[in-house]
All heavy atoms as atom14 arrays in JSON, in Angstrom:
{
  "sequence": "ADLHTSTVDQLAAAHYLAAVDLDAHIATVRTAYRERRDALQSALSRT",
  "atom14_mask": [
    [1, 1, 1, 1, 1, 0, 0, 0, 0, 0, 0, 0, 0, 0],
    [1, 1, 1, 1, 1, 1, 1, 1, 0, 0, 0, 0, 0, 0],
    [1, 1, 1, 1, 1, 1, 1, 1, 0, 0, 0, 0, 0, 0],
    [1, 1, 1, 1, 1, 1, 1, 1, 1, 1, 0, 0, 0, 0],
    [1, 1, 1, 1, 1, 1, 1, 0, 0, 0, 0, 0, 0, 0],
    [1, 1, 1, 1, 1, 1, 0, 0, 0, 0, 0, 0, 0, 0],
    [1, 1, 1, 1, 1, 1, 1, 0, 0, 0, 0, 0, 0, 0],
    [1, 1, 1, 1, 1, 1, 1, 0, 0, 0, 0, 0, 0, 0],
    [1, 1, 1, 1, 1, 1, 1, 1, 0, 0, 0, 0, 0, 0],
    [1, 1, 1, 1, 1, 1, 1, 1, 1, 0, 0, 0, 0, 0],
    [1, 1, 1, 1, 1, 1, 1, 1, 0, 0, 0, 0, 0, 0],
    [1, 1, 1, 1, 1, 0, 0, 0, 0, 0, 0, 0, 0, 0],
    [1, 1, 1, 1, 1, 0, 0, 0, 0, 0, 0, 0, 0, 0],
    [1, 1, 1, 1, 1, 0, 0, 0, 0, 0, 0, 0, 0, 0],
    [1, 1, 1, 1, 1, 1, 1, 1, 1, 1, 0, 0, 0, 0],
    [1, 1, 1, 1, 1, 1, 1, 1, 1, 1, 1, 1, 0, 0],
    [1, 1, 1, 1, 1, 1, 1, 1, 0, 0, 0, 0, 0, 0],
    [1, 1, 1, 1, 1, 0, 0, 0, 0, 0, 0, 0, 0, 0],
    [1, 1, 1, 1, 1, 0, 0, 0, 0, 0, 0, 0, 0, 0],
    [1, 1, 1, 1, 1, 1, 1, 0, 0, 0, 0, 0, 0, 0],
    [1, 1, 1, 1, 1, 1, 1, 1, 0, 0, 0, 0, 0, 0],
    [1, 1, 1, 1, 1, 1, 1, 1, 0, 0, 0, 0, 0, 0],
    [1, 1, 1, 1, 1, 1, 1, 1, 0, 0, 0, 0, 0, 0],
    [1, 1, 1, 1, 1, 0, 0, 0, 0, 0, 0, 0, 0, 0],
    [1, 1, 1, 1, 1, 1, 1, 1, 1, 1, 0, 0, 0, 0],
    [1, 1, 1, 1, 1, 1, 1, 1, 0, 0, 0, 0, 0, 0],
    [1, 1, 1, 1, 1, 0, 0, 0, 0, 0, 0, 0, 0, 0],
    [1, 1, 1, 1, 1, 1, 1, 0, 0, 0, 0, 0, 0, 0],
    [1, 1, 1, 1, 1, 1, 1, 0, 0, 0, 0, 0, 0, 0],
    [1, 1, 1, 1, 1, 1, 1, 1, 1, 1, 1, 0, 0, 0],
    [1, 1, 1, 1, 1, 1, 1, 0, 0, 0, 0, 0, 0, 0],
    [1, 1, 1, 1, 1, 0, 0, 0, 0, 0, 0, 0, 0, 0],
    [1, 1, 1, 1, 1, 1, 1, 1, 1, 1, 1, 1, 0, 0],
    [1, 1, 1, 1, 1, 1, 1, 1, 1, 1, 1, 0, 0, 0],
    [1, 1, 1, 1, 1, 1, 1, 1, 1, 0, 0, 0, 0, 0],
    [1, 1, 1, 1, 1, 1, 1, 1, 1, 1, 1, 0, 0, 0],
    [1, 1, 1, 1, 1, 1, 1, 1, 1, 1, 1, 0, 0, 0],
    [1, 1, 1, 1, 1, 1, 1, 1, 0, 0, 0, 0, 0, 0],
    [1, 1, 1, 1, 1, 0, 0, 0, 0, 0, 0, 0, 0, 0],
    [1, 1, 1, 1, 1, 1, 1, 1, 0, 0, 0, 0, 0, 0],
    [1, 1, 1, 1, 1, 1, 1, 1, 1, 0, 0, 0, 0, 0],
    [1, 1, 1, 1, 1, 1, 0, 0, 0, 0, 0, 0, 0, 0],
    [1, 1, 1, 1, 1, 0, 0, 0, 0, 0, 0, 0, 0, 0],
    [1, 1, 1, 1, 1, 1, 1, 1, 0, 0, 0, 0, 0, 0],
    [1, 1, 1, 1, 1, 1, 0, 0, 0, 0, 0, 0, 0, 0],
    [1, 1, 1, 1, 1, 1, 1, 1, 1, 1, 1, 0, 0, 0],
    [1, 1, 1, 1, 1, 1, 1, 0, 0, 0, 0, 0, 0, 0]
  ],
  "atom14_positions": [
    [[8.57, -25.4, 7.91], [8.63, -24.69, 6.64], [9.89, -23.84, 6.59], [10.68, -23.86, 5.69], [7.38, -23.89, 6.32], [0.0, 0.0, 0.0], [0.0, 0.0, 0.0], [0.0, 0.0, 0.0], [0.0, 0.0, 0.0], [0.0, 0.0, 0.0], [0.0, 0.0, 0.0], [0.0, 0.0, 0.0], [0.0, 0.0, 0.0], [0.0, 0.0, 0.0]],
    [[10.02, -22.87, 7.58], [11.12, -21.92, 7.46], [11.58, -21.44, 8.81], [12.35, -20.43, 8.9], [10.66, -20.74, 6.68], [9.57, -19.9, 7.26], [9.07, -20.29, 8.37], [9.14, -18.9, 6.68], [0.0, 0.0, 0.0], [0.0, 0.0, 0.0], [0.0, 0.0, 0.0], [0.0, 0.0, 0.0], [0.0, 0.0, 0.0], [0.0, 0.0, 0.0]],
    [[11.22, -22.08, 9.92], [11.56, -21.71, 11.3], [10.97, -20.41, 11.73], [10.27, -20.32, 12.73], [13.11, -21.66, 11.46], [13.89, -22.97, 11.29], [15.37, -22.76, 11.56], [13.3, -24.09, 12.2], [0.0, 0.0, 0.0], [0.0, 0.0, 0.0], [0.0, 0.0, 0.0], [0.0, 0.0, 0.0], [0.0, 0.0, 0.0], [0.0, 0.0, 0.0]],
    [[11.14, -19.35, 10.95], [10.63, -18.07, 11.29], [10.74, -17.15, 10.05], [11.6, -17.4, 9.17], [11.2, -17.43, 12.49], [12.65, -16.98, 12.29], [13.05, -15.82, 11.79], [13.79, -17.78, 12.56], [14.41, -15.76, 11.69], [14.83, -16.92, 12.22], [0.0, 0.0, 0.0], [0.0, 0.0, 0.0], [0.0, 0.0, 0.0], [0.0, 0.0, 0.0]],
    [[9.94, -16.13, 10.01], [10.0, -15.09, 8.97], [11.26, -14.23, 9.25], [11.59, -13.99, 10.44], [8.72, -14.26, 8.9], [7.72, -15.15, 8.5], [8.82, -13.14, 7.97], [0.0, 0.0, 0.0], [0.0, 0.0, 0.0], [0.0, 0.0, 0.0], [0.0, 0.0, 0.0], [0.0, 0.0, 0.0], [0.0, 0.0, 0.0], [0.0, 0.0, 0.0]],
    [[11.86, -13.61, 8.2], [13.05, -12.75, 8.29], [12.99, -11.82, 9.47], [12.07, -11.02, 9.57], [13.21, -11.98, 7.0], [14.13, -10.94, 7.13], [0.0, 0.0, 0.0], [0.0, 0.0, 0.0], [0.0, 0.0, 0.0], [0.0, 0.0, 0.0], [0.0, 0.0, 0.0], [0.0, 0.0, 0.0], [0.0, 0.0, 0.0], [0.0, 0.0, 0.0]],
    [[13.95, -11.95, 10.37], [14.03, -11.1, 11.59], [14.22, -9.65, 11.16], [13.48, -8.77, 11.69], [15.17, -11.52, 12.5], [15.03, -12.92, 12.68], [15.11, -10.74, 13.77], [0.0, 0.0, 0.0], [0.0, 0.0, 0.0], [0.0, 0.0, 0.0], [0.0, 0.0, 0.0], [0.0, 0.0, 0.0], [0.0, 0.0, 0.0], [0.0, 0.0, 0.0]],
    [[15.11, -9.33, 10.32], [15.44, -7.93, 9.98], [14.22, -7.27, 9.29], [13.9, -6.11, 9.59], [16.65, -7.81, 9.07], [16.54, -8.5, 7.73], [17.04, -6.33, 8.98], [0.0, 0.0, 0.0], [0.0, 0.0, 0.0], [0.0, 0.0, 0.0], [0.0, 0.0, 0.0], [0.0, 0.0, 0.0], [0.0, 0.0, 0.0], [0.0, 0.0, 0.0]],
    [[13.52, -8.0, 8.41], [12.3, -7.43, 7.81], [11.24, -7.21, 8.87], [10.53, -6.12, 8.74], [11.8, -8.35, 6.72], [12.71, -8.45, 5.56], [13.48, -7.4, 5.33], [12.74, -9.48, 4.89], [0.0, 0.0, 0.0], [0.0, 0.0, 0.0], [0.0, 0.0, 0.0], [0.0, 0.0, 0.0], [0.0, 0.0, 0.0], [0.0, 0.0, 0.0]],
    [[11.02, -8.09, 9.81], [10.01, -7.87, 10.81], [10.32, -6.63, 11.65], [9.46, -5.84, 11.93], [9.93, -9.08, 11.71], [9.39, -10.33, 11.08], [9.11, -11.44, 12.14], [8.22, -11.25, 13.1], [9.87, -12.4, 12.11], [0.0, 0.0, 0.0], [0.0, 0.0, 0.0], [0.0, 0.0, 0.0], [0.0, 0.0, 0.0], [0.0, 0.0, 0.0]],
    [[11.58, -6.5, 12.1], [11.94, -5.39, 12.94], [11.92, -4.1, 12.21], [11.42, -3.07, 12.69], [13.42, -5.64, 13.47], [13.55, -6.8, 14.47], [14.95, -6.89, 14.99], [12.56, -6.69, 15.62], [0.0, 0.0, 0.0], [0.0, 0.0, 0.0], [0.0, 0.0, 0.0], [0.0, 0.0, 0.0], [0.0, 0.0, 0.0], [0.0, 0.0, 0.0]],
    [[12.25, -4.1, 10.96], [12.16, -2.87, 10.11], [10.7, -2.43, 10.0], [10.32, -1.3, 10.13], [12.72, -3.07, 8.73], [0.0, 0.0, 0.0], [0.0, 0.0, 0.0], [0.0, 0.0, 0.0], [0.0, 0.0, 0.0], [0.0, 0.0, 0.0], [0.0, 0.0, 0.0], [0.0, 0.0, 0.0], [0.0, 0.0, 0.0], [0.0, 0.0, 0.0]],
    [[9.78, -3.46, 9.72], [8.39, -3.11, 9.67], [7.85, -2.6, 10.96], [7.06, -1.68, 11.04], [7.58, -4.46, 9.27], [0.0, 0.0, 0.0], [0.0, 0.0, 0.0], [0.0, 0.0, 0.0], [0.0, 0.0, 0.0], [0.0, 0.0, 0.0], [0.0, 0.0, 0.0], [0.0, 0.0, 0.0], [0.0, 0.0, 0.0], [0.0, 0.0, 0.0]],
    [[8.23, -3.15, 12.08], [7.81, -2.7, 13.41], [8.3, -1.24, 13.64], [7.57, -0.39, 14.11], [8.34, -3.61, 14.48], [0.0, 0.0, 0.0], [0.0, 0.0, 0.0], [0.0, 0.0, 0.0], [0.0, 0.0, 0.0], [0.0, 0.0, 0.0], [0.0, 0.0, 0.0], [0.0, 0.0, 0.0], [0.0, 0.0, 0.0], [0.0, 0.0, 0.0]],
    [[9.6, -0.95, 13.26], [10.07, 0.41, 13.37], [9.29, 1.36, 12.49], [8.96, 2.52, 12.86], [11.57, 0.46, 13.07], [12.48, 0.02, 14.2], [12.72, 0.75, 15.31], [13.12, -1.12, 14.36], [13.54, 0.08, 16.1], [13.76, -1.08, 15.54], [0.0, 0.0, 0.0], [0.0, 0.0, 0.0], [0.0, 0.0, 0.0], [0.0, 0.0, 0.0]],
    [[8.92, 0.91, 11.27], [8.21, 1.7, 10.33], [6.79, 2.1, 10.96], [6.39, 3.28, 10.92], [8.08, 0.99, 9.02], [7.36, 1.81, 7.97], [8.03, 2.73, 7.22], [5.95, 1.68, 7.7], [7.42, 3.43, 6.23], [5.36, 2.41, 6.78], [6.03, 3.32, 5.99], [5.41, 4.04, 5.09], [0.0, 0.0, 0.0], [0.0, 0.0, 0.0]],
    [[6.12, 1.04, 11.49], [4.8, 1.28, 12.09], [4.85, 2.14, 13.24], [3.87, 2.87, 13.52], [4.15, -0.05, 12.38], [3.81, -0.94, 11.14], [3.47, -2.29, 11.59], [2.69, -0.28, 10.31], [0.0, 0.0, 0.0], [0.0, 0.0, 0.0], [0.0, 0.0, 0.0], [0.0, 0.0, 0.0], [0.0, 0.0, 0.0], [0.0, 0.0, 0.0]],
    [[5.99, 2.14, 13.97], [6.09, 3.0, 15.13], [6.33, 4.43, 14.76], [6.01, 5.4, 15.47], [7.18, 2.46, 16.07], [0.0, 0.0, 0.0], [0.0, 0.0, 0.0], [0.0, 0.0, 0.0], [0.0, 0.0, 0.0], [0.0, 0.0, 0.0], [0.0, 0.0, 0.0], [0.0, 0.0, 0.0], [0.0, 0.0, 0.0], [0.0, 0.0, 0.0]],
    [[7.12, 4.63, 13.61], [7.55, 6.0, 13.3], [6.75, 6.67, 12.26], [6.75, 7.92, 12.17], [9.04, 5.89, 12.81], [0.0, 0.0, 0.0], [0.0, 0.0, 0.0], [0.0, 0.0, 0.0], [0.0, 0.0, 0.0], [0.0, 0.0, 0.0], [0.0, 0.0, 0.0], [0.0, 0.0, 0.0], [0.0, 0.0, 0.0], [0.0, 0.0, 0.0]],
    [[5.94, 6.0, 11.47], [5.27, 6.51, 10.35], [3.72, 6.35, 10.49], [3.29, 5.27, 11.07], [5.75, 5.84, 9.03], [4.9, 6.34, 7.83], [7.19, 6.19, 8.79], [0.0, 0.0, 0.0], [0.0, 0.0, 0.0], [0.0, 0.0, 0.0], [0.0, 0.0, 0.0], [0.0, 0.0, 0.0], [0.0, 0.0, 0.0], [0.0, 0.0, 0.0]],
    [[2.98, 7.27, 10.1], [1.54, 7.18, 10.05], [1.17, 6.34, 8.84], [0.93, 6.83, 7.77], [0.86, 8.54, 10.03], [-0.6, 8.46, 10.22], [-1.24, 7.4, 10.01], [-1.3, 9.54, 10.38], [0.0, 0.0, 0.0], [0.0, 0.0, 0.0], [0.0, 0.0, 0.0], [0.0, 0.0, 0.0], [0.0, 0.0, 0.0], [0.0, 0.0, 0.0]],
    [[1.01, 5.05, 9.09], [0.68, 4.17, 7.93], [-0.6, 4.52, 7.3], [-0.9, 4.44, 6.09], [0.74, 2.69, 8.26], [0.39, 1.67, 7.22], [1.36, 1.83, 6.05], [0.43, 0.24, 7.74], [0.0, 0.0, 0.0], [0.0, 0.0, 0.0], [0.0, 0.0, 0.0], [0.0, 0.0, 0.0], [0.0, 0.0, 0.0], [0.0, 0.0, 0.0]],
    [[-1.62, 4.9, 8.13], [-2.93, 5.22, 7.6], [-2.86, 6.45, 6.67], [-3.57, 6.5, 5.65], [-3.94, 5.48, 8.74], [-4.24, 4.28, 9.5], [-4.2, 3.21, 8.94], [-4.48, 4.3, 10.72], [0.0, 0.0, 0.0], [0.0, 0.0, 0.0], [0.0, 0.0, 0.0], [0.0, 0.0, 0.0], [0.0, 0.0, 0.0], [0.0, 0.0, 0.0]],
    [[-2.02, 7.36, 6.94], [-1.79, 8.55, 6.13], [-1.18, 8.13, 4.75], [-1.53, 8.58, 3.75], [-0.92, 9.64, 6.76], [0.0, 0.0, 0.0], [0.0, 0.0, 0.0], [0.0, 0.0, 0.0], [0.0, 0.0, 0.0], [0.0, 0.0, 0.0], [0.0, 0.0, 0.0], [0.0, 0.0, 0.0], [0.0, 0.0, 0.0], [0.0, 0.0, 0.0]],
    [[-0.26, 7.15, 4.85], [0.35, 6.67, 3.61], [-0.74, 5.94, 2.8], [-0.76, 6.13, 1.55], [1.52, 5.73, 3.94], [2.07, 5.06, 2.72], [2.76, 5.71, 1.71], [2.04, 3.78, 2.36], [3.14, 4.79, 0.8], [2.74, 3.55, 1.19], [0.0, 0.0, 0.0], [0.0, 0.0, 0.0], [0.0, 0.0, 0.0], [0.0, 0.0, 0.0]],
    [[-1.48, 5.11, 3.44], [-2.57, 4.42, 2.78], [-3.53, 5.32, 2.07], [-4.0, 5.12, 1.0], [-3.32, 3.41, 3.75], [-2.34, 2.27, 4.14], [-4.48, 2.82, 3.04], [-2.86, 1.41, 5.23], [0.0, 0.0, 0.0], [0.0, 0.0, 0.0], [0.0, 0.0, 0.0], [0.0, 0.0, 0.0], [0.0, 0.0, 0.0], [0.0, 0.0, 0.0]],
    [[-3.86, 6.48, 2.73], [-4.71, 7.42, 2.15], [-4.19, 7.99, 0.86], [-4.95, 8.17, -0.13], [-5.01, 8.57, 3.17], [0.0, 0.0, 0.0], [0.0, 0.0, 0.0], [0.0, 0.0, 0.0], [0.0, 0.0, 0.0], [0.0, 0.0, 0.0], [0.0, 0.0, 0.0], [0.0, 0.0, 0.0], [0.0, 0.0, 0.0], [0.0, 0.0, 0.0]],
    [[-2.84, 8.22, 0.8], [-2.17, 8.66, -0.42], [-2.36, 7.6, -1.47], [-2.61, 7.95, -2.68], [-0.76, 8.98, -0.16], [-0.64, 10.05, 0.81], [-0.02, 9.42, -1.42], [0.0, 0.0, 0.0], [0.0, 0.0, 0.0], [0.0, 0.0, 0.0], [0.0, 0.0, 0.0], [0.0, 0.0, 0.0], [0.0, 0.0, 0.0], [0.0, 0.0, 0.0]],
    [[-2.11, 6.41, -1.16], [-2.22, 5.3, -2.09], [-3.65, 5.18, -2.64], [-3.93, 5.01, -3.82], [-1.7, 3.93, -1.46], [-2.0, 2.78, -2.44], [-0.26, 4.05, -1.13], [0.0, 0.0, 0.0], [0.0, 0.0, 0.0], [0.0, 0.0, 0.0], [0.0, 0.0, 0.0], [0.0, 0.0, 0.0], [0.0, 0.0, 0.0], [0.0, 0.0, 0.0]],
    [[-4.66, 5.26, -1.72], [-6.02, 5.19, -2.18], [-6.35, 6.25, -3.2], [-7.07, 6.02, -4.15], [-6.9, 5.34, -0.88], [-7.02, 4.18, 0.07], [-7.76, 4.6, 1.24], [-8.16, 3.44, 2.11], [-8.6, 3.6, 3.34], [-8.75, 4.83, 3.88], [-8.92, 2.56, 4.11], [0.0, 0.0, 0.0], [0.0, 0.0, 0.0], [0.0, 0.0, 0.0]],
    [[-5.9, 7.47, -2.89], [-6.23, 8.59, -3.81], [-5.66, 8.25, -5.19], [-6.37, 8.48, -6.22], [-5.59, 9.92, -3.3], [-6.15, 10.2, -1.97], [-5.85, 11.03, -4.2], [0.0, 0.0, 0.0], [0.0, 0.0, 0.0], [0.0, 0.0, 0.0], [0.0, 0.0, 0.0], [0.0, 0.0, 0.0], [0.0, 0.0, 0.0], [0.0, 0.0, 0.0]],
    [[-4.49, 7.79, -5.26], [-3.86, 7.49, -6.62], [-4.61, 6.37, -7.29], [-4.93, 6.41, -8.45], [-2.39, 7.14, -6.44], [0.0, 0.0, 0.0], [0.0, 0.0, 0.0], [0.0, 0.0, 0.0], [0.0, 0.0, 0.0], [0.0, 0.0, 0.0], [0.0, 0.0, 0.0], [0.0, 0.0, 0.0], [0.0, 0.0, 0.0], [0.0, 0.0, 0.0]],
    [[-4.93, 5.26, -6.53], [-5.58, 4.16, -7.13], [-7.02, 4.46, -7.47], [-7.5, 3.92, -8.51], [-5.55, 2.96, -6.13], [-4.18, 2.36, -5.95], [-4.06, 1.34, -4.99], [-3.1, 2.66, -6.7], [-2.75, 0.69, -4.8], [-1.9, 2.05, -6.49], [-1.73, 1.07, -5.54], [-0.55, 0.42, -5.35], [0.0, 0.0, 0.0], [0.0, 0.0, 0.0]],
    [[-7.72, 5.3, -6.71], [-9.02, 5.67, -7.09], [-9.01, 6.41, -8.46], [-9.82, 6.13, -9.35], [-9.7, 6.58, -6.02], [-11.15, 7.06, -6.42], [-11.61, 8.05, -5.43], [-11.58, 7.53, -3.99], [-10.79, 8.01, -3.07], [-9.88, 8.98, -3.36], [-10.89, 7.49, -1.83], [0.0, 0.0, 0.0], [0.0, 0.0, 0.0], [0.0, 0.0, 0.0]],
    [[-8.05, 7.27, -8.67], [-7.94, 8.03, -9.91], [-7.67, 6.99, -11.06], [-8.2, 7.15, -12.12], [-6.85, 9.02, -9.85], [-6.64, 9.87, -11.09], [-5.49, 10.86, -10.95], [-4.72, 10.78, -9.95], [-5.31, 11.64, -11.91], [0.0, 0.0, 0.0], [0.0, 0.0, 0.0], [0.0, 0.0, 0.0], [0.0, 0.0, 0.0], [0.0, 0.0, 0.0]],
    [[-6.84, 5.98, -10.8], [-6.53, 5.04, -11.83], [-7.76, 4.09, -12.06], [-7.96, 3.69, -13.31], [-5.3, 4.16, -11.4], [-4.07, 5.09, -11.32], [-2.88, 4.42, -10.68], [-1.83, 5.37, -10.46], [-0.52, 5.04, -10.45], [-0.14, 3.8, -10.53], [0.37, 6.04, -10.21], [0.0, 0.0, 0.0], [0.0, 0.0, 0.0], [0.0, 0.0, 0.0]],
    [[-8.43, 3.69, -11.04], [-9.7, 2.89, -11.29], [-10.66, 3.71, -12.16], [-11.26, 3.18, -13.14], [-10.32, 2.58, -9.92], [-11.63, 1.78, -10.07], [-12.55, 1.93, -8.97], [-13.0, 3.32, -8.63], [-13.88, 3.71, -7.86], [-14.44, 2.83, -7.01], [-14.27, 4.98, -7.76], [0.0, 0.0, 0.0], [0.0, 0.0, 0.0], [0.0, 0.0, 0.0]],
    [[-10.84, 5.05, -11.86], [-11.75, 5.78, -12.58], [-11.33, 6.02, -14.01], [-12.17, 6.04, -14.98], [-11.99, 7.18, -11.89], [-12.67, 6.96, -10.54], [-13.25, 5.92, -10.28], [-12.67, 8.01, -9.79], [0.0, 0.0, 0.0], [0.0, 0.0, 0.0], [0.0, 0.0, 0.0], [0.0, 0.0, 0.0], [0.0, 0.0, 0.0], [0.0, 0.0, 0.0]],
    [[-10.04, 6.1, -14.25], [-9.51, 6.2, -15.57], [-9.73, 4.96, -16.42], [-10.11, 5.06, -17.57], [-7.98, 6.48, -15.56], [0.0, 0.0, 0.0], [0.0, 0.0, 0.0], [0.0, 0.0, 0.0], [0.0, 0.0, 0.0], [0.0, 0.0, 0.0], [0.0, 0.0, 0.0], [0.0, 0.0, 0.0], [0.0, 0.0, 0.0], [0.0, 0.0, 0.0]],
    [[-9.65, 3.83, -15.74], [-10.0, 2.49, -16.43], [-11.43, 2.44, -16.74], [-11.86, 2.12, -17.87], [-9.58, 1.37, -15.54], [-9.84, -0.01, -16.11], [-9.23, -0.32, -17.42], [-9.54, -1.11, -15.09], [0.0, 0.0, 0.0], [0.0, 0.0, 0.0], [0.0, 0.0, 0.0], [0.0, 0.0, 0.0], [0.0, 0.0, 0.0], [0.0, 0.0, 0.0]],
    [[-12.29, 2.88, -15.81], [-13.79, 2.84, -16.08], [-14.11, 3.75, -17.23], [-14.9, 3.39, -18.08], [-14.52, 3.27, -14.77], [-14.37, 2.25, -13.68], [-15.21, 1.05, -13.84], [-16.34, 1.1, -14.39], [-14.73, -0.1, -13.39], [0.0, 0.0, 0.0], [0.0, 0.0, 0.0], [0.0, 0.0, 0.0], [0.0, 0.0, 0.0], [0.0, 0.0, 0.0]],
    [[-13.56, 4.96, -17.24], [-13.86, 5.92, -18.24], [-13.37, 5.43, -19.63], [-14.1, 5.53, -20.62], [-13.19, 7.29, -17.93], [-13.48, 8.2, -18.98], [0.0, 0.0, 0.0], [0.0, 0.0, 0.0], [0.0, 0.0, 0.0], [0.0, 0.0, 0.0], [0.0, 0.0, 0.0], [0.0, 0.0, 0.0], [0.0, 0.0, 0.0], [0.0, 0.0, 0.0]],
    [[-12.24, 4.85, -19.66], [-11.67, 4.36, -20.94], [-12.44, 3.19, -21.45], [-12.73, 3.07, -22.61], [-10.2, 3.98, -20.73], [0.0, 0.0, 0.0], [0.0, 0.0, 0.0], [0.0, 0.0, 0.0], [0.0, 0.0, 0.0], [0.0, 0.0, 0.0], [0.0, 0.0, 0.0], [0.0, 0.0, 0.0], [0.0, 0.0, 0.0], [0.0, 0.0, 0.0]],
    [[-12.88, 2.31, -20.56], [-13.66, 1.16, -20.99], [-15.04, 1.57, -21.53], [-15.46, 1.06, -22.61], [-13.88, 0.19, -19.76], [-12.71, -0.62, -19.26], [-13.05, -1.34, -17.99], [-12.17, -1.56, -20.28], [0.0, 0.0, 0.0], [0.0, 0.0, 0.0], [0.0, 0.0, 0.0], [0.0, 0.0, 0.0], [0.0, 0.0, 0.0], [0.0, 0.0, 0.0]],
    [[-15.63, 2.6, -20.92], [-16.89, 3.1, -21.43], [-16.84, 3.73, -22.81], [-17.71, 3.59, -23.65], [-17.47, 4.12, -20.45], [-17.75, 3.56, -19.17], [0.0, 0.0, 0.0], [0.0, 0.0, 0.0], [0.0, 0.0, 0.0], [0.0, 0.0, 0.0], [0.0, 0.0, 0.0], [0.0, 0.0, 0.0], [0.0, 0.0, 0.0], [0.0, 0.0, 0.0]],
    [[-15.7, 4.4, -23.08], [-15.51, 5.04, -24.39], [-15.06, 4.05, -25.46], [-15.33, 4.31, -26.64], [-14.46, 6.15, -24.28], [-14.85, 7.3, -23.4], [-13.82, 8.51, -23.63], [-12.41, 8.07, -23.44], [-11.81, 8.07, -22.33], [-12.39, 8.53, -21.19], [-10.49, 7.73, -22.24], [0.0, 0.0, 0.0], [0.0, 0.0, 0.0], [0.0, 0.0, 0.0]],
    [[-14.39, 3.01, -25.07], [-13.71, 2.18, -26.05], [-14.35, 0.79, -26.37], [-14.38, 0.44, -27.53], [-12.24, 1.9, -25.54], [-11.63, 3.15, -25.21], [-11.43, 1.23, -26.56], [0.0, 0.0, 0.0], [0.0, 0.0, 0.0], [0.0, 0.0, 0.0], [0.0, 0.0, 0.0], [0.0, 0.0, 0.0], [0.0, 0.0, 0.0], [0.0, 0.0, 0.0]]
  ]
}
C-alpha cells in the first residue's frame, strides 16, 4: 500500500510522547468536550 507511514510524523509523535504529558493534555480536551456535550444536551432538552 505505502511501504511505511511518514517517518517524520512518526518521529515527531514519538518525541511529543516523550516530552509531553499526553494524559494531561487529554484531560484538558475531556473537560472542554464534556462542557460541549452538556451544552448540546441542555439545548436539545429546551428546544
